[in-house]
Protein backbone atom coordinates (compact mmCIF):
# COMPACT_ATOMS: atom_id res chain seq x y z
CA MET A 1 -14.51 -2.88 21.60
CA PRO A 2 -11.37 -4.31 20.70
CA ALA A 3 -10.10 -3.35 17.29
CA ARG A 4 -8.12 -6.54 14.78
CA GLY A 5 -5.50 -5.64 12.15
CA ALA A 6 -5.71 -7.24 8.60
CA SER A 7 -3.64 -9.87 7.25
CA GLY A 8 -1.99 -10.91 4.14
CA ALA A 9 -0.50 -9.21 0.76
CA MET A 10 -1.75 -7.44 -1.76
CA THR A 11 0.35 -7.00 -5.10
CA LEU A 12 0.19 -2.77 -6.09
CA ILE A 13 2.60 -3.14 -9.42
CA THR A 14 4.10 -6.00 -11.83
CA GLU A 15 6.52 -4.76 -14.36
CA TYR A 16 7.44 -7.14 -16.74
CA ASP A 17 10.11 -7.94 -19.09
CA GLY A 18 9.71 -8.56 -22.96
CA ALA A 19 9.55 -12.47 -21.70
CA ASP A 20 6.77 -12.18 -19.30
CA SER A 21 9.09 -12.80 -16.57
CA PRO A 22 8.37 -10.30 -13.72
CA VAL A 23 11.41 -7.80 -13.02
CA ARG A 24 9.91 -5.11 -10.52
CA VAL A 25 7.06 -5.85 -8.01
CA LEU A 26 5.96 -3.41 -5.31
CA ARG A 27 3.40 -5.35 -2.72
CA LEU A 28 2.23 -4.29 1.22
CA GLU A 29 2.08 -6.68 3.24
CA LEU A 30 1.71 -6.26 7.13
CA SER A 31 5.29 -7.18 9.16
CA ALA A 32 5.27 -9.95 11.22
CA ASP A 33 4.43 -8.96 14.41
CA GLY A 34 1.06 -7.58 12.87
CA LYS A 35 2.15 -3.91 14.24
CA ALA A 36 3.43 -2.42 10.77
CA VAL A 37 2.71 -2.21 7.16
CA LEU A 38 5.80 -2.52 5.14
CA LEU A 39 5.75 -1.50 1.58
CA ILE A 40 8.41 -3.82 -0.69
CA ASP A 41 9.95 -2.88 -3.59
CA VAL A 42 11.46 -6.09 -5.52
CA ASP A 43 13.46 -4.80 -8.73
CA GLU A 44 15.74 -6.99 -10.89
CA ARG A 45 15.96 -4.81 -14.05
CA LYS A 46 19.43 -4.78 -14.17
CA PRO A 47 20.53 -8.05 -15.06
CA GLY A 48 22.52 -9.88 -12.50
CA ILE A 49 21.48 -7.54 -9.61
CA HIS A 50 18.32 -7.92 -7.10
CA ARG A 51 17.39 -4.96 -5.20
CA GLU A 52 15.11 -5.11 -2.36
CA VAL A 53 13.84 -1.85 -0.53
CA ARG A 54 11.54 -1.98 2.64
CA TYR A 55 9.43 0.96 3.94
CA GLU A 56 7.74 0.68 7.08
CA ILE A 57 5.10 2.77 8.71
CA THR A 58 2.32 1.91 11.07
CA PRO A 59 -1.64 1.63 10.03
CA SER A 60 -2.21 4.36 12.39
CA GLU A 61 0.60 6.43 10.09
CA LEU A 62 -0.89 5.44 6.80
CA ILE A 63 -4.14 5.57 7.51
CA ALA A 64 -3.71 9.98 8.65
CA ALA A 65 -1.59 9.63 5.11
CA ILE A 66 -4.12 8.84 3.34
CA ARG A 67 -6.60 10.96 5.11
CA ALA A 68 -4.01 13.99 4.82
CA HIS A 69 -3.09 13.56 0.93
CA GLY A 70 -5.65 11.16 -0.49
CA ALA A 71 -9.54 13.16 -2.07
CA VAL A 72 -12.90 12.16 -1.01
CA LEU A 73 -14.65 10.56 -3.19
CA PRO A 74 -18.02 11.61 -4.15
CA ASP A 75 -19.33 8.10 -4.91
CA ASN A 76 -19.71 7.64 -1.17
CA PRO A 77 -23.58 8.79 -0.47
CA HIS A 78 -21.41 8.73 3.35
CA ASN A 79 -18.98 11.52 2.53
CA ASP A 80 -21.93 14.07 2.38
CA ARG A 81 -22.56 13.54 6.41
CA LEU A 82 -18.84 13.30 7.09
CA ILE A 83 -17.79 16.46 5.51
CA PRO A 84 -21.00 18.49 4.72
CA ASP A 85 -18.82 21.07 2.71
CA ALA A 86 -16.95 18.77 0.61
CA VAL A 87 -17.98 19.03 -3.28
């Protein structure tokens, strides 16, 4: 069965200054070719300085990192079938 990737973007963090203008934004989005996930960090906290850093990871690497470093949530009723010794 063929697999299809996601599309779009998701904002993770937005920091605002005193005038409610965004000064820092971290977001996830797909690369133009759809083969990587980008974490984009836009930082304008210092007046007159615009900094943008992009990190790239493949979807399979992101899934592996979440599985390696994430925690299995007990609220999911299917977890007990996937990992019998969990909890």
